[in-house]
């Protein structure tokens, strides 16, 4: 759980900014989004494969441009 303590003389905006950064860094939101629906193991493997293929294609495309 992300906990942020108010520093002396700190505005609410900067406190909120620090809290948001901490939440993003901890990965709470991404975990919640991922666990929103049940995904079977086979479907998860299929999705991971697709991501890997996309990543490889993207890498080779950027190397061709350079």
PDB file of N, CA and C in Angstrom:
ATOM      1  N   UNK A   1       0.838  -1.165   0.000  1.00  0.00           N
ATOM      2  CA  UNK A   1       0.000   0.000   0.000  1.00  0.00           C
ATOM      3  C   UNK A   1       0.895   1.245   0.000  1.00  0.00           C
ATOM      4  N   UNK A   2       0.529   2.227  -0.790  1.00  0.00           N
ATOM      5  CA  UNK A   2       1.308   3.454  -0.899  1.00  0.00           C
ATOM      6  C   UNK A   2       0.909   4.414   0.216  1.00  0.00           C
ATOM      7  N   UNK A   3       1.898   4.836   0.990  1.00  0.00           N
ATOM      8  CA  UNK A   3       1.657   5.784   2.077  1.00  0.00           C
ATOM      9  C   UNK A   3       2.554   6.986   1.867  1.00  0.00           C
ATOM     10  N   UNK A   4       1.957   8.188   1.986  1.00  0.00           N
ATOM     11  CA  UNK A   4       2.706   9.424   1.819  1.00  0.00           C
ATOM     12  C   UNK A   4       2.435  10.302   3.023  1.00  0.00           C
ATOM     13  N   UNK A   5       3.500  10.804   3.658  1.00  0.00           N
ATOM     14  CA  UNK A   5       3.368  11.664   4.827  1.00  0.00           C
ATOM     15  C   UNK A   5       3.587  13.109   4.401  1.00  0.00           C
ATOM     16  N   UNK A   6       2.726  13.993   4.876  1.00  0.00           N
ATOM     17  CA  UNK A   6       2.807  15.408   4.546  1.00  0.00           C
ATOM     18  C   UNK A   6       4.067  16.015   5.148  1.00  0.00           C
ATOM     19  N   UNK A   7       4.876  16.643   4.305  1.00  0.00           N
ATOM     20  CA  UNK A   7       6.090  17.304   4.765  1.00  0.00           C
ATOM     21  C   UNK A   7       5.748  18.727   5.212  1.00  0.00           C
ATOM     22  N   UNK A   8       6.590  19.294   6.024  1.00  0.00           N
ATOM     23  CA  UNK A   8       6.353  20.652   6.509  1.00  0.00           C
ATOM     24  C   UNK A   8       6.349  21.660   5.372  1.00  0.00           C
ATOM     25  N   UNK A   9       5.287  22.446   5.264  1.00  0.00           N
ATOM     26  CA  UNK A   9       5.189  23.478   4.242  1.00  0.00           C
ATOM     27  C   UNK A   9       4.915  22.954   2.842  1.00  0.00           C
ATOM     28  N   UNK A  10       4.526  21.688   2.719  1.00  0.00           N
ATOM     29  CA  UNK A  10       4.265  21.100   1.405  1.00  0.00           C
ATOM     30  C   UNK A  10       2.811  21.340   1.001  1.00  0.00           C
ATOM     31  N   UNK A  11       2.603  21.697  -0.253  1.00  0.00           N
ATOM     32  CA  UNK A  11       1.242  21.934  -0.734  1.00  0.00           C
ATOM     33  C   UNK A  11       0.546  20.605  -1.000  1.00  0.00           C
ATOM     34  N   UNK A  12      -0.775  20.672  -1.103  1.00  0.00           N
ATOM     35  CA  UNK A  12      -1.555  19.472  -1.364  1.00  0.00           C
ATOM     36  C   UNK A  12      -1.290  18.944  -2.773  1.00  0.00           C
ATOM     37  N   UNK A  13      -1.005  19.851  -3.710  1.00  0.00           N
ATOM     38  CA  UNK A  13      -0.714  19.431  -5.075  1.00  0.00           C
ATOM     39  C   UNK A  13       0.541  18.568  -5.138  1.00  0.00           C
ATOM     40  N   UNK A  14       1.598  19.013  -4.477  1.00  0.00           N
ATOM     41  CA  UNK A  14       2.839  18.241  -4.503  1.00  0.00           C
ATOM     42  C   UNK A  14       2.689  16.926  -3.731  1.00  0.00           C
ATOM     43  N   UNK A  15       1.884  16.946  -2.677  1.00  0.00           N
ATOM     44  CA  UNK A  15       1.613  15.716  -1.926  1.00  0.00           C
ATOM     45  C   UNK A  15       0.882  14.712  -2.809  1.00  0.00           C
ATOM     46  N   UNK A  16      -0.120  15.185  -3.534  1.00  0.00           N
ATOM     47  CA  UNK A  16      -0.875  14.327  -4.433  1.00  0.00           C
ATOM     48  C   UNK A  16       0.013  13.793  -5.554  1.00  0.00           C
ATOM     49  N   UNK A  17       0.909  14.636  -6.050  1.00  0.00           N
ATOM     50  CA  UNK A  17       1.840  14.230  -7.109  1.00  0.00           C
ATOM     51  C   UNK A  17       2.752  13.103  -6.616  1.00  0.00           C
ATOM     52  N   UNK A  18       3.285  13.261  -5.403  1.00  0.00           N
ATOM     53  CA  UNK A  18       4.143  12.221  -4.825  1.00  0.00           C
ATOM     54  C   UNK A  18       3.373  10.923  -4.623  1.00  0.00           C
ATOM     55  N   UNK A  19       2.107  11.045  -4.180  1.00  0.00           N
ATOM     56  CA  UNK A  19       1.278   9.855  -3.964  1.00  0.00           C
ATOM     57  C   UNK A  19       1.033   9.117  -5.277  1.00  0.00           C
ATOM     58  N   UNK A  20       0.695   9.845  -6.323  1.00  0.00           N
ATOM     59  CA  UNK A  20       0.446   9.223  -7.633  1.00  0.00           C
ATOM     60  C   UNK A  20       1.690   8.507  -8.143  1.00  0.00           C
ATOM     61  N   UNK A  21       2.852   9.144  -7.987  1.00  0.00           N
ATOM     62  CA  UNK A  21       4.103   8.510  -8.420  1.00  0.00           C
ATOM     63  C   UNK A  21       4.337   7.209  -7.666  1.00  0.00           C
ATOM     64  N   UNK A  22       4.074   7.230  -6.359  1.00  0.00           N
ATOM     65  CA  UNK A  22       4.278   6.045  -5.542  1.00  0.00           C
ATOM     66  C   UNK A  22       3.338   4.912  -5.949  1.00  0.00           C
ATOM     67  N   UNK A  23       2.094   5.267  -6.249  1.00  0.00           N
ATOM     68  CA  UNK A  23       1.107   4.270  -6.667  1.00  0.00           C
ATOM     69  C   UNK A  23       1.535   3.644  -7.987  1.00  0.00           C
ATOM     70  N   UNK A  24       1.978   4.468  -8.941  1.00  0.00           N
ATOM     71  CA  UNK A  24       2.417   3.950 -10.235  1.00  0.00           C
ATOM     72  C   UNK A  24       3.628   3.048 -10.069  1.00  0.00           C
ATOM     73  N   UNK A  25       4.572   3.474  -9.239  1.00  0.00           N
ATOM     74  CA  UNK A  25       5.802   2.703  -9.028  1.00  0.00           C
ATOM     75  C   UNK A  25       5.517   1.363  -8.347  1.00  0.00           C
ATOM     76  N   UNK A  26       4.543   1.346  -7.444  1.00  0.00           N
ATOM     77  CA  UNK A  26       4.223   0.101  -6.735  1.00  0.00           C
ATOM     78  C   UNK A  26       3.487  -0.894  -7.627  1.00  0.00           C
ATOM     79  N   UNK A  27       2.853  -0.412  -8.711  1.00  0.00           N
ATOM     80  CA  UNK A  27       2.182  -1.300  -9.645  1.00  0.00           C
ATOM     81  C   UNK A  27       0.804  -1.746  -9.207  1.00  0.00           C
ATOM     82  N   UNK A  28       0.188  -1.018  -8.290  1.00  0.00           N
ATOM     83  CA  UNK A  28      -1.124  -1.390  -7.771  1.00  0.00           C
ATOM     84  C   UNK A  28      -2.181  -1.335  -8.868  1.00  0.00           C
ATOM     85  N   UNK A  29      -2.211  -0.248  -9.621  1.00  0.00           N
ATOM     86  CA  UNK A  29      -3.233  -0.082 -10.653  1.00  0.00           C
ATOM     87  C   UNK A  29      -3.107  -1.114 -11.763  1.00  0.00           C
ATOM     88  N   UNK A  30      -1.880  -1.383 -12.187  1.00  0.00           N
ATOM     89  CA  UNK A  30      -1.702  -2.370 -13.254  1.00  0.00           C
ATOM     90  C   UNK A  30      -2.142  -3.761 -12.792  1.00  0.00           C
ATOM     91  N   UNK A  31      -1.898  -4.074 -11.538  1.00  0.00           N
ATOM     92  CA  UNK A  31      -2.323  -5.359 -10.988  1.00  0.00           C
ATOM     93  C   UNK A  31      -3.848  -5.450 -10.956  1.00  0.00           C
ATOM     94  N   UNK A  32      -4.488  -4.379 -10.534  1.00  0.00           N
ATOM     95  CA  UNK A  32      -5.952  -4.361 -10.469  1.00  0.00           C
ATOM     96  C   UNK A  32      -6.538  -4.517 -11.863  1.00  0.00           C
ATOM     97  N   UNK A  33      -5.998  -3.796 -12.831  1.00  0.00           N
ATOM     98  CA  UNK A  33      -6.497  -3.894 -14.206  1.00  0.00           C
ATOM     99  C   UNK A  33      -6.306  -5.302 -14.760  1.00  0.00           C
ATOM    100  N   UNK A  34      -5.158  -5.897 -14.459  1.00  0.00           N
ATOM    101  CA  UNK A  34      -4.865  -7.234 -14.966  1.00  0.00           C
ATOM    102  C   UNK A  34      -5.784  -8.286 -14.340  1.00  0.00           C
ATOM    103  N   UNK A  35      -6.127  -8.125 -13.075  1.00  0.00           N
ATOM    104  CA  UNK A  35      -6.940  -9.121 -12.368  1.00  0.00           C
ATOM    105  C   UNK A  35      -8.433  -8.813 -12.433  1.00  0.00           C
ATOM    106  N   UNK A  36      -8.805  -7.850 -13.272  1.00  0.00           N
ATOM    107  CA  UNK A  36     -10.208  -7.473 -13.390  1.00  0.00           C
ATOM    108  C   UNK A  36     -11.056  -8.641 -13.902  1.00  0.00           C
ATOM    109  N   UNK A  37     -10.507  -9.393 -14.849  1.00  0.00           N
ATOM    110  CA  UNK A  37     -11.184 -10.551 -15.411  1.00  0.00           C
ATOM    111  C   UNK A  37     -10.273 -11.766 -15.285  1.00  0.00           C
ATOM    112  N   UNK A  38     -10.872 -12.936 -15.224  1.00  0.00           N
ATOM    113  CA  UNK A  38     -10.088 -14.163 -15.160  1.00  0.00           C
ATOM    114  C   UNK A  38      -9.542 -14.488 -16.545  1.00  0.00           C
ATOM    115  N   UNK A  39      -8.252 -14.773 -16.607  1.00  0.00           N
ATOM    116  CA  UNK A  39      -7.614 -15.174 -17.859  1.00  0.00           C
ATOM    117  C   UNK A  39      -6.969 -16.531 -17.621  1.00  0.00           C
ATOM    118  N   UNK A  40      -7.347 -17.507 -18.449  1.00  0.00           N
ATOM    119  CA  UNK A  40      -6.805 -18.855 -18.280  1.00  0.00           C
ATOM    120  C   UNK A  40      -5.315 -18.862 -18.615  1.00  0.00           C
ATOM    121  N   UNK A  41      -4.633 -19.896 -18.160  1.00  0.00           N
ATOM    122  CA  UNK A  41      -3.187 -20.010 -18.376  1.00  0.00           C
ATOM    123  C   UNK A  41      -2.845 -20.050 -19.863  1.00  0.00           C
ATOM    124  N   UNK A  42      -3.646 -20.795 -20.630  1.00  0.00           N
ATOM    125  CA  UNK A  42      -3.362 -20.906 -22.065  1.00  0.00           C
ATOM    126  C   UNK A  42      -3.551 -19.553 -22.757  1.00  0.00           C
ATOM    127  N   UNK A  43      -4.588 -18.833 -22.372  1.00  0.00           N
ATOM    128  CA  UNK A  43      -4.832 -17.505 -22.949  1.00  0.00           C
ATOM    129  C   UNK A  43      -3.707 -16.545 -22.564  1.00  0.00           C
ATOM    130  N   UNK A  44      -3.241 -16.654 -21.339  1.00  0.00           N
ATOM    131  CA  UNK A  44      -2.151 -15.800 -20.861  1.00  0.00           C
ATOM    132  C   UNK A  44      -0.873 -16.065 -21.655  1.00  0.00           C
ATOM    133  N   UNK A  45      -0.574 -17.346 -21.915  1.00  0.00           N
ATOM    134  CA  UNK A  45       0.602 -17.696 -22.710  1.00  0.00           C
ATOM    135  C   UNK A  45       0.471 -17.157 -24.130  1.00  0.00           C
ATOM    136  N   UNK A  46      -0.723 -17.261 -24.700  1.00  0.00           N
ATOM    137  CA  UNK A  46      -0.980 -16.770 -26.049  1.00  0.00           C
ATOM    138  C   UNK A  46      -0.751 -15.255 -26.121  1.00  0.00           C
ATOM    139  N   UNK A  47      -1.238 -14.536 -25.118  1.00  0.00           N
ATOM    140  CA  UNK A  47      -1.069 -13.080 -25.075  1.00  0.00           C
ATOM    141  C   UNK A  47       0.403 -12.712 -24.931  1.00  0.00           C
ATOM    142  N   UNK A  48       1.124 -13.439 -24.090  1.00  0.00           N
ATOM    143  CA  UNK A  48       2.551 -13.178 -23.890  1.00  0.00           C
ATOM    144  C   UNK A  48       3.330 -13.390 -25.190  1.00  0.00           C
ATOM    145  N   UNK A  49       2.957 -14.446 -25.937  1.00  0.00           N
ATOM    146  CA  UNK A  49       3.601 -14.721 -27.215  1.00  0.00           C
ATOM    147  C   UNK A  49       3.391 -13.580 -28.197  1.00  0.00           C
ATOM    148  N   UNK A  50       2.142 -13.096 -28.269  1.00  0.00           N
ATOM    149  CA  UNK A  50       1.814 -11.982 -29.159  1.00  0.00           C
ATOM    150  C   UNK A  50       2.610 -10.737 -28.791  1.00  0.00           C
ATOM    151  N   UNK A  51       2.715 -10.462 -27.496  1.00  0.00           N
ATOM    152  CA  UNK A  51       3.483  -9.298 -27.032  1.00  0.00           C
ATOM    153  C   UNK A  51       4.944  -9.419 -27.435  1.00  0.00           C
ATOM    154  N   UNK A  52       5.499 -10.619 -27.280  1.00  0.00           N
ATOM    155  CA  UNK A  52       6.903 -10.844 -27.621  1.00  0.00           C
ATOM    156  C   UNK A  52       7.135 -10.638 -29.110  1.00  0.00           C
ATOM    157  N   UNK A  53       6.225 -11.143 -29.929  1.00  0.00           N
ATOM    158  CA  UNK A  53       6.353 -10.980 -31.377  1.00  0.00           C
ATOM    159  C   UNK A  53       6.295  -9.510 -31.750  1.00  0.00           C
ATOM    160  N   UNK A  54       5.345  -8.787 -31.167  1.00  0.00           N
ATOM    161  CA  UNK A  54       5.226  -7.341 -31.418  1.00  0.00           C
ATOM    162  C   UNK A  54       6.503  -6.601 -31.020  1.00  0.00           C
ATOM    163  N   UNK A  55       7.038  -6.979 -29.858  1.00  0.00           N
ATOM    164  CA  UNK A  55       8.251  -6.334 -29.353  1.00  0.00           C
ATOM    165  C   UNK A  55       9.431  -6.578 -30.291  1.00  0.00           C
ATOM    166  N   UNK A  56       9.560  -7.810 -30.778  1.00  0.00           N
ATOM    167  CA  UNK A  56      10.654  -8.157 -31.696  1.00  0.00           C
ATOM    168  C   UNK A  56      10.512  -7.398 -33.005  1.00  0.00           C
ATOM    169  N   UNK A  57       9.280  -7.339 -33.533  1.00  0.00           N
ATOM    170  CA  UNK A  57       9.044  -6.600 -34.775  1.00  0.00           C
ATOM    171  C   UNK A  57       9.385  -5.125 -34.609  1.00  0.00           C
ATOM    172  N   UNK A  58       8.990  -4.553 -33.491  1.00  0.00           N
ATOM    173  CA  UNK A  58       9.256  -3.141 -33.228  1.00  0.00           C
ATOM    174  C   UNK A  58      10.756  -2.871 -33.165  1.00  0.00           C
ATOM    175  N   UNK A  59      11.493  -3.758 -32.520  1.00  0.00           N
ATOM    176  CA  UNK A  59      12.952  -3.609 -32.416  1.00  0.00           C
ATOM    177  C   UNK A  59      13.617  -3.670 -33.788  1.00  0.00           C
ATOM    178  N   UNK A  60      13.206  -4.637 -34.595  1.00  0.00           N
ATOM    179  CA  UNK A  60      13.817  -4.769 -35.914  1.00  0.00           C
ATOM    180  C   UNK A  60      13.453  -3.587 -36.807  1.00  0.00           C
ATOM    181  N   UNK A  61      12.255  -3.045 -36.645  1.00  0.00           N
ATOM    182  CA  UNK A  61      11.822  -1.894 -37.439  1.00  0.00           C
ATOM    183  C   UNK A  61      12.644  -0.657 -37.089  1.00  0.00           C
ATOM    184  N   UNK A  62      12.909  -0.431 -35.804  1.00  0.00           N
ATOM    185  CA  UNK A  62      13.688   0.742 -35.402  1.00  0.00           C
ATOM    186  C   UNK A  62      15.141   0.605 -35.842  1.00  0.00           C
ATOM    187  N   UNK A  63      15.650  -0.600 -35.897  1.00  0.00           N
ATOM    188  CA  UNK A  63      17.046  -0.807 -36.347  1.00  0.00           C
ATOM    189  C   UNK A  63      17.168  -0.547 -37.835  1.00  0.00           C
ATOM    190  N   UNK A  64      16.140  -0.865 -38.618  1.00  0.00           N
ATOM    191  CA  UNK A  64      16.166  -0.618 -40.052  1.00  0.00           C
ATOM    192  C   UNK A  64      16.209   0.875 -40.374  1.00  0.00           C
ATOM    193  N   UNK A  65      15.526   1.657 -39.570  1.00  0.00           N
ATOM    194  CA  UNK A  65      15.455   3.109 -39.794  1.00  0.00           C
ATOM    195  C   UNK A  65      16.826   3.744 -39.542  1.00  0.00           C
ATOM    196  N   UNK A  66      17.529   3.305 -38.532  1.00  0.00           N
ATOM    197  CA  UNK A  66      18.817   3.892 -38.168  1.00  0.00           C
ATOM    198  C   UNK A  66      19.844   3.552 -39.190  1.00  0.00           C
TER     199      UNK A  66
END
